[in-house]
Amino acid sequence: MSKTVLLLLLLASSCCWAAPKPDPAQYNVNVHVSGTLTIEYENTMQQQMQATIEGKKYVLHGGSGVIWVLKVGDYHAKVVKDETRNGVEYMRSYELLFPNGETRRYDVMGEEE
């Protein structure tokens, strides 16, 4: 097999494995992170943050295995899970879009007034 054919096969296969880039237009929820820390949760390190979303204050957990502290500031997100039970309990998850195009999922673990 020639080197050119081998190179083309490698390039084609690497394109197939690349994750699709997120569409920024889908991340239409504004999230203001006002506090953040790294905690141990279920034997792994995770990020915990205080965030204001649509005027409500939430505690979010996510980023399993992440030992970095997320900078406070404004981010864009989209809802990836939203379930309600008996009209007063809910489970919700957001996927935050970072300026470099990476995304990370965070689950709502608390709500504050």
PDB file of N, CA and C in Angstrom:
ATOM      1  N   MET A   1       0.857  -1.178   0.000  1.00  0.00           N
ATOM      2  CA  MET A   1       0.000   0.000   0.000  1.00  0.00           C
ATOM      3  C   MET A   1       0.898   1.234   0.000  1.00  0.00           C
ATOM      4  N   SER A   2       0.544   2.168  -0.821  1.00  0.00           N
ATOM      5  CA  SER A   2       1.383   3.361  -0.900  1.00  0.00           C
ATOM      6  C   SER A   2       1.184   4.254   0.320  1.00  0.00           C
ATOM      7  N   LYS A   3       2.151   5.100   0.548  1.00  0.00           N
ATOM      8  CA  LYS A   3       2.092   6.019   1.692  1.00  0.00           C
ATOM      9  C   LYS A   3       0.922   6.996   1.550  1.00  0.00           C
ATOM     10  N   THR A   4       0.609   7.401   0.333  1.00  0.00           N
ATOM     11  CA  THR A   4      -0.486   8.347   0.101  1.00  0.00           C
ATOM     12  C   THR A   4      -1.822   7.725   0.479  1.00  0.00           C
ATOM     13  N   VAL A   5      -2.041   6.481   0.067  1.00  0.00           N
ATOM     14  CA  VAL A   5      -3.297   5.795   0.391  1.00  0.00           C
ATOM     15  C   VAL A   5      -3.405   5.600   1.895  1.00  0.00           C
ATOM     16  N   LEU A   6      -2.320   5.211   2.529  1.00  0.00           N
ATOM     17  CA  LEU A   6      -2.313   5.025   3.973  1.00  0.00           C
ATOM     18  C   LEU A   6      -2.625   6.334   4.696  1.00  0.00           C
ATOM     19  N   LEU A   7      -2.041   7.421   4.243  1.00  0.00           N
ATOM     20  CA  LEU A   7      -2.290   8.730   4.839  1.00  0.00           C
ATOM     21  C   LEU A   7      -3.752   9.130   4.680  1.00  0.00           C
ATOM     22  N   LEU A   8      -4.321   8.903   3.518  1.00  0.00           N
ATOM     23  CA  LEU A   8      -5.734   9.229   3.291  1.00  0.00           C
ATOM     24  C   LEU A   8      -6.649   8.405   4.185  1.00  0.00           C
ATOM     25  N   LEU A   9      -6.336   7.129   4.357  1.00  0.00           N
ATOM     26  CA  LEU A   9      -7.137   6.279   5.244  1.00  0.00           C
ATOM     27  C   LEU A   9      -7.066   6.763   6.689  1.00  0.00           C
ATOM     28  N   LEU A  10      -5.886   7.138   7.129  1.00  0.00           N
ATOM     29  CA  LEU A  10      -5.744   7.654   8.490  1.00  0.00           C
ATOM     30  C   LEU A  10      -6.517   8.952   8.689  1.00  0.00           C
ATOM     31  N   LEU A  11      -6.436   9.851   7.737  1.00  0.00           N
ATOM     32  CA  LEU A  11      -7.171  11.108   7.838  1.00  0.00           C
ATOM     33  C   LEU A  11      -8.676  10.875   7.838  1.00  0.00           C
ATOM     34  N   ALA A  12      -9.156   9.996   6.985  1.00  0.00           N
ATOM     35  CA  ALA A  12     -10.592   9.711   6.916  1.00  0.00           C
ATOM     36  C   ALA A  12     -11.085   9.077   8.207  1.00  0.00           C
ATOM     37  N   SER A  13     -10.306   8.167   8.775  1.00  0.00           N
ATOM     38  CA  SER A  13     -10.747   7.502  10.001  1.00  0.00           C
ATOM     39  C   SER A  13     -10.726   8.462  11.186  1.00  0.00           C
ATOM     40  N   SER A  14      -9.781   9.383  11.226  1.00  0.00           N
ATOM     41  CA  SER A  14      -9.741  10.334  12.344  1.00  0.00           C
ATOM     42  C   SER A  14     -10.922  11.288  12.285  1.00  0.00           C
ATOM     43  N   CYS A  15     -11.402  11.634  11.103  1.00  0.00           N
ATOM     44  CA  CYS A  15     -12.572  12.495  10.972  1.00  0.00           C
ATOM     45  C   CYS A  15     -13.820  11.798  11.494  1.00  0.00           C
ATOM     46  N   CYS A  16     -13.896  10.512  11.308  1.00  0.00           N
ATOM     47  CA  CYS A  16     -15.062   9.753  11.772  1.00  0.00           C
ATOM     48  C   CYS A  16     -15.114   9.687  13.291  1.00  0.00           C
ATOM     49  N   TRP A  17     -13.963   9.715  13.963  1.00  0.00           N
ATOM     50  CA  TRP A  17     -13.925   9.608  15.417  1.00  0.00           C
ATOM     51  C   TRP A  17     -14.085  10.948  16.108  1.00  0.00           C
ATOM     52  N   ALA A  18     -13.936  12.017  15.418  1.00  0.00           N
ATOM     53  CA  ALA A  18     -14.032  13.340  16.032  1.00  0.00           C
ATOM     54  C   ALA A  18     -15.466  13.615  16.467  1.00  0.00           C
ATOM     55  N   ALA A  19     -15.619  14.141  17.668  1.00  0.00           N
ATOM     56  CA  ALA A  19     -16.951  14.476  18.175  1.00  0.00           C
ATOM     57  C   ALA A  19     -17.484  15.690  17.422  1.00  0.00           C
ATOM     58  N   PRO A  20     -18.783  15.691  17.151  1.00  0.00           N
ATOM     59  CA  PRO A  20     -19.338  16.860  16.467  1.00  0.00           C
ATOM     60  C   PRO A  20     -19.259  18.089  17.366  1.00  0.00           C
ATOM     61  N   LYS A  21     -18.986  19.220  16.773  1.00  0.00           N
ATOM     62  CA  LYS A  21     -18.915  20.464  17.540  1.00  0.00           C
ATOM     63  C   LYS A  21     -20.321  20.890  17.936  1.00  0.00           C
ATOM     64  N   PRO A  22     -20.485  21.369  19.176  1.00  0.00           N
ATOM     65  CA  PRO A  22     -21.811  21.811  19.604  1.00  0.00           C
ATOM     66  C   PRO A  22     -22.254  23.052  18.848  1.00  0.00           C
ATOM     67  N   ASP A  23     -23.552  23.157  18.627  1.00  0.00           N
ATOM     68  CA  ASP A  23     -24.141  24.314  17.959  1.00  0.00           C
ATOM     69  C   ASP A  23     -24.436  25.374  19.023  1.00  0.00           C
ATOM     70  N   PRO A  24     -23.720  26.496  19.039  1.00  0.00           N
ATOM     71  CA  PRO A  24     -23.932  27.515  20.073  1.00  0.00           C
ATOM     72  C   PRO A  24     -25.365  28.031  20.131  1.00  0.00           C
ATOM     73  N   ALA A  25     -26.103  27.970  19.042  1.00  0.00           N
ATOM     74  CA  ALA A  25     -27.492  28.443  19.028  1.00  0.00           C
ATOM     75  C   ALA A  25     -28.387  27.603  19.940  1.00  0.00           C
ATOM     76  N   GLN A  26     -28.001  26.363  20.213  1.00  0.00           N
ATOM     77  CA  GLN A  26     -28.788  25.500  21.098  1.00  0.00           C
ATOM     78  C   GLN A  26     -28.583  25.839  22.575  1.00  0.00           C
ATOM     79  N   TYR A  27     -27.557  26.585  22.878  1.00  0.00           N
ATOM     80  CA  TYR A  27     -27.218  26.916  24.269  1.00  0.00           C
ATOM     81  C   TYR A  27     -27.774  28.301  24.590  1.00  0.00           C
ATOM     82  N   ASN A  28     -29.107  28.360  24.760  1.00  0.00           N
ATOM     83  CA  ASN A  28     -29.799  29.635  24.898  1.00  0.00           C
ATOM     84  C   ASN A  28     -30.219  29.954  26.335  1.00  0.00           C
ATOM     85  N   VAL A  29     -29.724  29.203  27.305  1.00  0.00           N
ATOM     86  CA  VAL A  29     -30.002  29.474  28.717  1.00  0.00           C
ATOM     87  C   VAL A  29     -28.781  30.176  29.307  1.00  0.00           C
ATOM     88  N   ASN A  30     -28.997  31.344  29.897  1.00  0.00           N
ATOM     89  CA  ASN A  30     -27.902  32.091  30.526  1.00  0.00           C
ATOM     90  C   ASN A  30     -27.703  31.612  31.962  1.00  0.00           C
ATOM     91  N   VAL A  31     -26.470  31.294  32.292  1.00  0.00           N
ATOM     92  CA  VAL A  31     -26.114  30.803  33.627  1.00  0.00           C
ATOM     93  C   VAL A  31     -25.050  31.732  34.195  1.00  0.00           C
ATOM     94  N   HIS A  32     -25.333  32.293  35.381  1.00  0.00           N
ATOM     95  CA  HIS A  32     -24.331  33.095  36.066  1.00  0.00           C
ATOM     96  C   HIS A  32     -23.799  32.278  37.238  1.00  0.00           C
ATOM     97  N   VAL A  33     -22.527  31.907  37.171  1.00  0.00           N
ATOM     98  CA  VAL A  33     -21.881  31.155  38.240  1.00  0.00           C
ATOM     99  C   VAL A  33     -21.299  32.160  39.225  1.00  0.00           C
ATOM    100  N   SER A  34     -21.790  32.119  40.480  1.00  0.00           N
ATOM    101  CA  SER A  34     -21.340  33.079  41.487  1.00  0.00           C
ATOM    102  C   SER A  34     -20.393  32.465  42.509  1.00  0.00           C
ATOM    103  N   GLY A  35     -20.315  31.148  42.551  1.00  0.00           N
ATOM    104  CA  GLY A  35     -19.405  30.489  43.476  1.00  0.00           C
ATOM    105  C   GLY A  35     -19.127  29.082  42.989  1.00  0.00           C
ATOM    106  N   THR A  36     -17.911  28.601  43.216  1.00  0.00           N
ATOM    107  CA  THR A  36     -17.550  27.277  42.725  1.00  0.00           C
ATOM    108  C   THR A  36     -16.467  26.660  43.590  1.00  0.00           C
ATOM    109  N   LEU A  37     -16.497  25.348  43.730  1.00  0.00           N
ATOM    110  CA  LEU A  37     -15.463  24.630  44.452  1.00  0.00           C
ATOM    111  C   LEU A  37     -15.410  23.197  43.968  1.00  0.00           C
ATOM    112  N   THR A  38     -14.329  22.530  44.289  1.00  0.00           N
ATOM    113  CA  THR A  38     -14.176  21.123  43.942  1.00  0.00           C
ATOM    114  C   THR A  38     -14.413  20.310  45.204  1.00  0.00           C
ATOM    115  N   ILE A  39     -15.242  19.260  45.096  1.00  0.00           N
ATOM    116  CA  ILE A  39     -15.578  18.424  46.248  1.00  0.00           C
ATOM    117  C   ILE A  39     -15.410  16.954  45.881  1.00  0.00           C
ATOM    118  N   GLU A  40     -15.306  16.105  46.902  1.00  0.00           N
ATOM    119  CA  GLU A  40     -15.323  14.666  46.663  1.00  0.00           C
ATOM    120  C   GLU A  40     -16.770  14.205  46.807  1.00  0.00           C
ATOM    121  N   TYR A  41     -17.277  13.549  45.782  1.00  0.00           N
ATOM    122  CA  TYR A  41     -18.666  13.090  45.762  1.00  0.00           C
ATOM    123  C   TYR A  41     -18.684  11.693  45.172  1.00  0.00           C
ATOM    124  N   GLU A  42     -19.187  10.732  45.937  1.00  0.00           N
ATOM    125  CA  GLU A  42     -19.251   9.332  45.511  1.00  0.00           C
ATOM    126  C   GLU A  42     -17.883   8.846  45.031  1.00  0.00           C
ATOM    127  N   ASN A  43     -16.860   9.114  45.827  1.00  0.00           N
ATOM    128  CA  ASN A  43     -15.482   8.667  45.597  1.00  0.00           C
ATOM    129  C   ASN A  43     -14.831   9.241  44.350  1.00  0.00           C
ATOM    130  N   THR A  44     -15.337  10.327  43.806  1.00  0.00           N
ATOM    131  CA  THR A  44     -14.667  11.011  42.696  1.00  0.00           C
ATOM    132  C   THR A  44     -14.731  12.513  42.951  1.00  0.00           C
ATOM    133  N   MET A  45     -13.837  13.216  42.353  1.00  0.00           N
ATOM    134  CA  MET A  45     -13.837  14.666  42.475  1.00  0.00           C
ATOM    135  C   MET A  45     -14.846  15.249  41.483  1.00  0.00           C
ATOM    136  N   GLN A  46     -15.601  16.253  41.940  1.00  0.00           N
ATOM    137  CA  GLN A  46     -16.579  16.927  41.097  1.00  0.00           C
ATOM    138  C   GLN A  46     -16.568  18.416  41.402  1.00  0.00           C
ATOM    139  N   GLN A  47     -17.129  19.168  40.482  1.00  0.00           N
ATOM    140  CA  GLN A  47     -17.302  20.591  40.703  1.00  0.00           C
ATOM    141  C   GLN A  47     -18.679  20.824  41.315  1.00  0.00           C
ATOM    142  N   GLN A  48     -18.738  21.721  42.272  1.00  0.00           N
ATOM    143  CA  GLN A  48     -20.010  22.172  42.834  1.00  0.00           C
ATOM    144  C   GLN A  48     -20.055  23.670  42.646  1.00  0.00           C
ATOM    145  N   MET A  49     -21.203  24.180  42.229  1.00  0.00           N
ATOM    146  CA  MET A  49     -21.273  25.616  42.012  1.00  0.00           C
ATOM    147  C   MET A  49     -22.613  26.178  42.442  1.00  0.00           C
ATOM    148  N   GLN A  50     -22.591  27.454  42.784  1.00  0.00           N
ATOM    149  CA  GLN A  50     -23.797  28.217  43.012  1.00  0.00           C
ATOM    150  C   GLN A  50     -24.028  28.998  41.728  1.00  0.00           C
ATOM    151  N   ALA A  51     -25.250  28.881  41.196  1.00  0.00           N
ATOM    152  CA  ALA A  51     -25.536  29.516  39.914  1.00  0.00           C
ATOM    153  C   ALA A  51     -26.922  30.136  39.935  1.00  0.00           C
ATOM    154  N   THR A  52     -27.068  31.218  39.203  1.00  0.00           N
ATOM    155  CA  THR A  52     -28.370  31.841  38.999  1.00  0.00           C
ATOM    156  C   THR A  52     -28.782  31.581  37.559  1.00  0.00           C
ATOM    157  N   ILE A  53     -29.960  30.962  37.413  1.00  0.00           N
ATOM    158  CA  ILE A  53     -30.490  30.612  36.095  1.00  0.00           C
ATOM    159  C   ILE A  53     -31.936  31.101  36.048  1.00  0.00           C
ATOM    160  N   GLU A  54     -32.203  31.979  35.115  1.00  0.00           N
ATOM    161  CA  GLU A  54     -33.545  32.553  34.942  1.00  0.00           C
ATOM    162  C   GLU A  54     -34.082  33.108  36.263  1.00  0.00           C
ATOM    163  N   GLY A  55     -33.216  33.803  36.998  1.00  0.00           N
ATOM    164  CA  GLY A  55     -33.610  34.460  38.238  1.00  0.00           C
ATOM    165  C   GLY A  55     -33.673  33.580  39.472  1.00  0.00           C
ATOM    166  N   LYS A  56     -33.442  32.265  39.333  1.00  0.00           N
ATOM    167  CA  LYS A  56     -33.464  31.355  40.481  1.00  0.00           C
ATOM    168  C   LYS A  56     -32.049  30.915  40.810  1.00  0.00           C
ATOM    169  N   LYS A  57     -31.819  30.682  42.122  1.00  0.00           N
ATOM    170  CA  LYS A  57     -30.507  30.254  42.576  1.00  0.00           C
ATOM    171  C   LYS A  57     -30.487  28.737  42.743  1.00  0.00           C
ATOM    172  N   TYR A  58     -29.444  28.117  42.184  1.00  0.00           N
ATOM    173  CA  TYR A  58     -29.310  26.665  42.216  1.00  0.00           C
ATOM    174  C   TYR A  58     -27.927  26.258  42.709  1.00  0.00           C
ATOM    175  N   VAL A  59     -27.848  25.032  43.215  1.00  0.00           N
ATOM    176  CA  VAL A  59     -26.581  24.371  43.481  1.00  0.00           C
ATOM    177  C   VAL A  59     -26.462  23.284  42.424  1.00  0.00           C
ATOM    178  N   LEU A  60     -25.362  23.303  41.669  1.00  0.00           N
ATOM    179  CA  LEU A  60     -25.139  22.346  40.591  1.00  0.00           C
ATOM    180  C   LEU A  60     -23.909  21.495  40.894  1.00  0.00           C
ATOM    181  N   HIS A  61     -23.975  20.215  40.524  1.00  0.00           N
ATOM    182  CA  HIS A  61     -22.831  19.299  40.625  1.00  0.00           C
ATOM    183  C   HIS A  61     -22.552  18.734  39.260  1.00  0.00           C
ATOM    184  N   GLY A  62     -21.288  18.488  38.985  1.00  0.00           N
ATOM    185  CA  GLY A  62     -20.963  17.833  37.723  1.00  0.00           C
ATOM    186  C   GLY A  62     -19.483  17.757  37.482  1.00  0.00           C
ATOM    187  N   GLY A  63     -19.156  17.335  36.273  1.00  0.00           N
ATOM    188  CA  GLY A  63     -17.758  17.245  35.888  1.00  0.00           C
ATOM    189  C   GLY A  63     -17.025  16.150  36.632  1.00  0.00           C
ATOM    190  N   SER A  64     -17.566  14.939  36.636  1.00  0.00           N
ATOM    191  CA  SER A  64     -16.965  13.824  37.360  1.00  0.00           C
ATOM    192  C   SER A  64     -15.489  13.661  36.997  1.00  0.00           C
ATOM    193  N   GLY A  65     -14.659  13.567  38.008  1.00  0.00           N
ATOM    194  CA  GLY A  65     -13.229  13.400  37.813  1.00  0.00           C
ATOM    195  C   GLY A  65     -12.483  14.705  37.604  1.00  0.00           C
ATOM    196  N   VAL A  66     -13.194  15.823  37.626  1.00  0.00           N
ATOM    197  CA  VAL A  66     -12.569  17.126  37.392  1.00  0.00           C
ATOM    198  C   VAL A  66     -12.023  17.662  38.716  1.00  0.00           C
ATOM    199  N   ILE A  67     -10.761  18.051  38.715  1.00  0.00           N
ATOM    200  CA  ILE A  67     -10.170  18.612  39.931  1.00  0.00           C
ATOM    201  C   ILE A  67      -9.934  20.109  39.805  1.00  0.00           C
ATOM    202  N   TRP A  68     -10.320  20.685  38.682  1.00  0.00           N
ATOM    203  CA  TRP A  68     -10.143  22.105  38.431  1.00  0.00           C
ATOM    204  C   TRP A  68     -11.313  22.893  38.993  1.00  0.00           C
ATOM    205  N   VAL A  69     -11.065  24.122  39.363  1.00  0.00           N
ATOM    206  CA  VAL A  69     -12.113  25.022  39.835  1.00  0.00           C
ATOM    207  C   VAL A  69     -12.594  25.850  38.649  1.00  0.00           C
ATOM    208  N   LEU A  70     -13.895  25.884  38.444  1.00  0.00           N
ATOM    209  CA  LEU A  70     -14.480  26.661  37.355  1.00  0.00           C
ATOM    210  C   LEU A  70     -14.503  28.142  37.745  1.00  0.00           C
ATOM    211  N   LYS A  71     -14.109  28.998  36.840  1.00  0.00           N
ATOM    212  CA  LYS A  71     -14.122  30.438  37.113  1.00  0.00           C
ATOM    213  C   LYS A  71     -15.556  30.942  37.223  1.00  0.00           C
ATOM    214  N   VAL A  72     -15.783  31.872  38.144  1.00  0.00           N
ATOM    215  CA  VAL A  72     -17.091  32.504  38.236  1.00  0.00           C
ATOM    216  C   VAL A  72     -17.296  33.366  36.995  1.00  0.00           C
ATOM    217  N   GLY A  73     -18.551  33.552  36.631  1.00  0.00           N
ATOM    218  CA  GLY A  73     -18.846  34.356  35.456  1.00  0.00           C
ATOM    219  C   GLY A  73     -20.087  33.837  34.748  1.00  0.00           C
ATOM    220  N   ASP A  74     -20.279  34.315  33.536  1.00  0.00           N
ATOM    221  CA  ASP A  74     -21.463  33.983  32.754  1.00  0.00           C
ATOM    222  C   ASP A  74     -21.141  32.926  31.703  1.00  0.00           C
ATOM    223  N   TYR A  75     -22.062  31.958  31.577  1.00  0.00           N
ATOM    224  CA  TYR A  75     -21.928  30.870  30.619  1.00  0.00           C
ATOM    225  C   TYR A  75     -23.260  30.677  29.916  1.00  0.00           C
ATOM    226  N   HIS A  76     -23.206  29.981  28.792  1.00  0.00           N
ATOM    227  CA  HIS A  76     -24.419  29.591  28.079  1.00  0.00           C
ATOM    228  C   HIS A  76     -24.620  28.096  28.301  1.00  0.00           C
ATOM    229  N   ALA A  77     -25.895  27.686  28.357  1.00  0.00           N
ATOM    230  CA  ALA A  77     -26.205  26.285  28.625  1.00  0.00           C
ATOM    231  C   ALA A  77     -27.472  25.889  27.886  1.00  0.00           C
ATOM    232  N   LYS A  78     -27.733  24.588  27.912  1.00  0.00           N
ATOM    233  CA  LYS A  78     -29.007  24.075  27.428  1.00  0.00           C
ATOM    234  C   LYS A  78     -29.489  23.025  28.423  1.00  0.00           C
ATOM    235  N   VAL A  79     -30.795  22.859  28.501  1.00  0.00           N
ATOM    236  CA  VAL A  79     -31.385  21.853  29.375  1.00  0.00           C
ATOM    237  C   VAL A  79     -31.269  20.510  28.663  1.00  0.00           C
ATOM    238  N   VAL A  80     -30.700  19.507  29.354  1.00  0.00           N
ATOM    239  CA  VAL A  80     -30.581  18.177  28.758  1.00  0.00           C
ATOM    240  C   VAL A  80     -31.472  17.153  29.462  1.00  0.00           C
ATOM    241  N   LYS A  81     -32.021  17.531  30.618  1.00  0.00           N
ATOM    242  CA  LYS A  81     -32.959  16.657  31.331  1.00  0.00           C
ATOM    243  C   LYS A  81     -33.866  17.541  32.157  1.00  0.00           C
ATOM    244  N   ASP A  82     -35.157  17.291  32.099  1.00  0.00           N
ATOM    245  CA  ASP A  82     -36.113  18.070  32.890  1.00  0.00           C
ATOM    246  C   ASP A  82     -37.341  17.211  33.147  1.00  0.00           C
ATOM    247  N   GLU A  83     -37.418  16.648  34.346  1.00  0.00           N
ATOM    248  CA  GLU A  83     -38.534  15.793  34.728  1.00  0.00           C
ATOM    249  C   GLU A  83     -39.176  16.345  35.995  1.00  0.00           C
ATOM    250  N   THR A  84     -40.500  16.327  36.036  1.00  0.00           N
ATOM    251  CA  THR A  84     -41.238  16.804  37.204  1.00  0.00           C
ATOM    252  C   THR A  84     -42.117  15.679  37.724  1.00  0.00           C
ATOM    253  N   ARG A  85     -42.194  15.593  39.058  1.00  0.00           N
ATOM    254  CA  ARG A  85     -43.029  14.578  39.699  1.00  0.00           C
ATOM    255  C   ARG A  85     -43.925  15.263  40.719  1.00  0.00           C
ATOM    256  N   ASN A  86     -45.139  14.927  40.757  1.00  0.00           N
ATOM    257  CA  ASN A  86     -46.170  15.410  41.677  1.00  0.00           C
ATOM    258  C   ASN A  86     -46.271  16.931  41.756  1.00  0.00           C
ATOM    259  N   GLY A  87     -45.794  17.607  40.739  1.00  0.00           N
ATOM    260  CA  GLY A  87     -45.939  19.053  40.650  1.00  0.00           C
ATOM    261  C   GLY A  87     -45.012  19.876  41.514  1.00  0.00           C
ATOM    262  N   VAL A  88     -44.258  19.240  42.420  1.00  0.00           N
ATOM    263  CA  VAL A  88     -43.387  20.014  43.309  1.00  0.00           C
ATOM    264  C   VAL A  88     -41.942  19.520  43.349  1.00  0.00           C
ATOM    265  N   GLU A  89     -41.659  18.354  42.801  1.00  0.00           N
ATOM    266  CA  GLU A  89     -40.291  17.835  42.780  1.00  0.00           C
ATOM    267  C   GLU A  89     -39.827  17.732  41.336  1.00  0.00           C
ATOM    268  N   TYR A  90     -38.534  17.922  41.137  1.00  0.00           N
ATOM    269  CA  TYR A  90     -38.029  17.854  39.770  1.00  0.00           C
ATOM    270  C   TYR A  90     -36.583  17.368  39.753  1.00  0.00           C
ATOM    271  N   MET A  91     -36.179  16.896  38.587  1.00  0.00           N
ATOM    272  CA  MET A  91     -34.781  16.565  38.297  1.00  0.00           C
ATOM    273  C   MET A  91     -34.435  17.310  37.017  1.00  0.00           C
ATOM    274  N   ARG A  92     -33.330  18.075  37.054  1.00  0.00           N
ATOM    275  CA  ARG A  92     -32.952  18.854  35.877  1.00  0.00           C
ATOM    276  C   ARG A  92     -31.432  18.819  35.727  1.00  0.00           C
ATOM    277  N   SER A  93     -31.002  18.773  34.493  1.00  0.00           N
ATOM    278  CA  SER A  93     -29.579  18.820  34.178  1.00  0.00           C
ATOM    279  C   SER A  93     -29.350  19.831  33.066  1.00  0.00           C
ATOM    280  N   TYR A  94     -28.228  20.524  33.170  1.00  0.00           N
ATOM    281  CA  TYR A  94     -27.827  21.501  32.163  1.00  0.00           C
ATOM    282  C   TYR A  94     -26.490  21.075  31.572  1.00  0.00           C
ATOM    283  N   GLU A  95     -26.299  21.394  30.314  1.00  0.00           N
ATOM    284  CA  GLU A  95     -24.999  21.220  29.685  1.00  0.00           C
ATOM    285  C   GLU A  95     -24.450  22.609  29.412  1.00  0.00           C
ATOM    286  N   LEU A  96     -23.321  22.935  30.061  1.00  0.00           N
ATOM    287  CA  LEU A  96     -22.700  24.244  29.873  1.00  0.00           C
ATOM    288  C   LEU A  96     -21.747  24.206  28.689  1.00  0.00           C
ATOM    289  N   LEU A  97     -21.756  25.291  27.940  1.00  0.00           N
ATOM    290  CA  LEU A  97     -20.849  25.455  26.819  1.00  0.00           C
ATOM    291  C   LEU A  97     -19.750  26.420  27.247  1.00  0.00           C
ATOM    292  N   PHE A  98     -18.500  25.977  27.154  1.00  0.00           N
ATOM    293  CA  PHE A  98     -17.374  26.812  27.524  1.00  0.00           C
ATOM    294  C   PHE A  98     -16.858  27.571  26.302  1.00  0.00           C
ATOM    295  N   PRO A  99     -16.156  28.670  26.526  1.00  0.00           N
ATOM    296  CA  PRO A  99     -15.670  29.484  25.406  1.00  0.00           C
ATOM    297  C   PRO A  99     -14.825  28.713  24.390  1.00  0.00           C
ATOM    298  N   ASN A 100     -14.146  27.650  24.815  1.00  0.00           N
ATOM    299  CA  ASN A 100     -13.305  26.881  23.891  1.00  0.00           C
ATOM    300  C   ASN A 100     -14.097  25.829  23.108  1.00  0.00           C
ATOM    301  N   GLY A 101     -15.428  25.783  23.298  1.00  0.00           N
ATOM    302  CA  GLY A 101     -16.271  24.839  22.571  1.00  0.00           C
ATOM    303  C   GLY A 101     -16.533  23.537  23.302  1.00  0.00           C
ATOM    304  N   GLU A 102     -15.846  23.301  24.409  1.00  0.00           N
ATOM    305  CA  GLU A 102     -16.104  22.095  25.193  1.00  0.00           C
ATOM    306  C   GLU A 102     -17.416  22.253  25.951  1.00  0.00           C
ATOM    307  N   THR A 103     -18.019  21.118  26.310  1.00  0.00           N
ATOM    308  CA  THR A 103     -19.247  21.129  27.095  1.00  0.00           C
ATOM    309  C   THR A 103     -19.076  20.223  28.311  1.00  0.00           C
ATOM    310  N   ARG A 104     -19.893  20.470  29.322  1.00  0.00           N
ATOM    311  CA  ARG A 104     -19.892  19.626  30.508  1.00  0.00           C
ATOM    312  C   ARG A 104     -21.286  19.647  31.118  1.00  0.00           C
ATOM    313  N   ARG A 105     -21.723  18.502  31.587  1.00  0.00           N
ATOM    314  CA  ARG A 105     -23.061  18.358  32.170  1.00  0.00           C
ATOM    315  C   ARG A 105     -23.020  18.596  33.678  1.00  0.00           C
ATOM    316  N   TYR A 106     -24.046  19.334  34.148  1.00  0.00           N
ATOM    317  CA  TYR A 106     -24.206  19.610  35.575  1.00  0.00           C
ATOM    318  C   TYR A 106     -25.643  19.313  35.975  1.00  0.00           C
ATOM    319  N   ASP A 107     -25.793  18.645  37.119  1.00  0.00           N
ATOM    320  CA  ASP A 107     -27.121  18.304  37.639  1.00  0.00           C
ATOM    321  C   ASP A 107     -27.510  19.274  38.747  1.00  0.00           C
ATOM    322  N   VAL A 108     -28.783  19.648  38.769  1.00  0.00           N
ATOM    323  CA  VAL A 108     -29.300  20.486  39.853  1.00  0.00           C
ATOM    324  C   VAL A 108     -29.375  19.617  41.101  1.00  0.00           C
ATOM    325  N   MET A 109     -28.687  20.045  42.145  1.00  0.00           N
ATOM    326  CA  MET A 109     -28.678  19.305  43.408  1.00  0.00           C
ATOM    327  C   MET A 109     -29.369  20.088  44.517  1.00  0.00           C
ATOM    328  N   GLY A 110     -29.726  21.337  44.253  1.00  0.00           N
ATOM    329  CA  GLY A 110     -30.397  22.145  45.252  1.00  0.00           C
ATOM    330  C   GLY A 110     -30.930  23.420  44.646  1.00  0.00           C
ATOM    331  N   GLU A 111     -31.905  24.007  45.343  1.00  0.00           N
ATOM    332  CA  GLU A 111     -32.511  25.266  44.912  1.00  0.00           C
ATOM    333  C   GLU A 111     -32.603  26.166  46.130  1.00  0.00           C
ATOM    334  N   GLU A 112     -32.343  27.447  45.943  1.00  0.00           N
ATOM    335  CA  GLU A 112     -32.390  28.406  47.041  1.00  0.00           C
ATOM    336  C   GLU A 112     -33.288  29.569  46.665  1.00  0.00           C
ATOM    337  N   GLU A 113     -33.753  30.296  47.678  1.00  0.00           N
ATOM    338  CA  GLU A 113     -34.555  31.489  47.428  1.00  0.00           C
ATOM    339  C   GLU A 113     -33.692  32.700  47.279  1.00  0.00           C
TER     340      GLU A 113
END
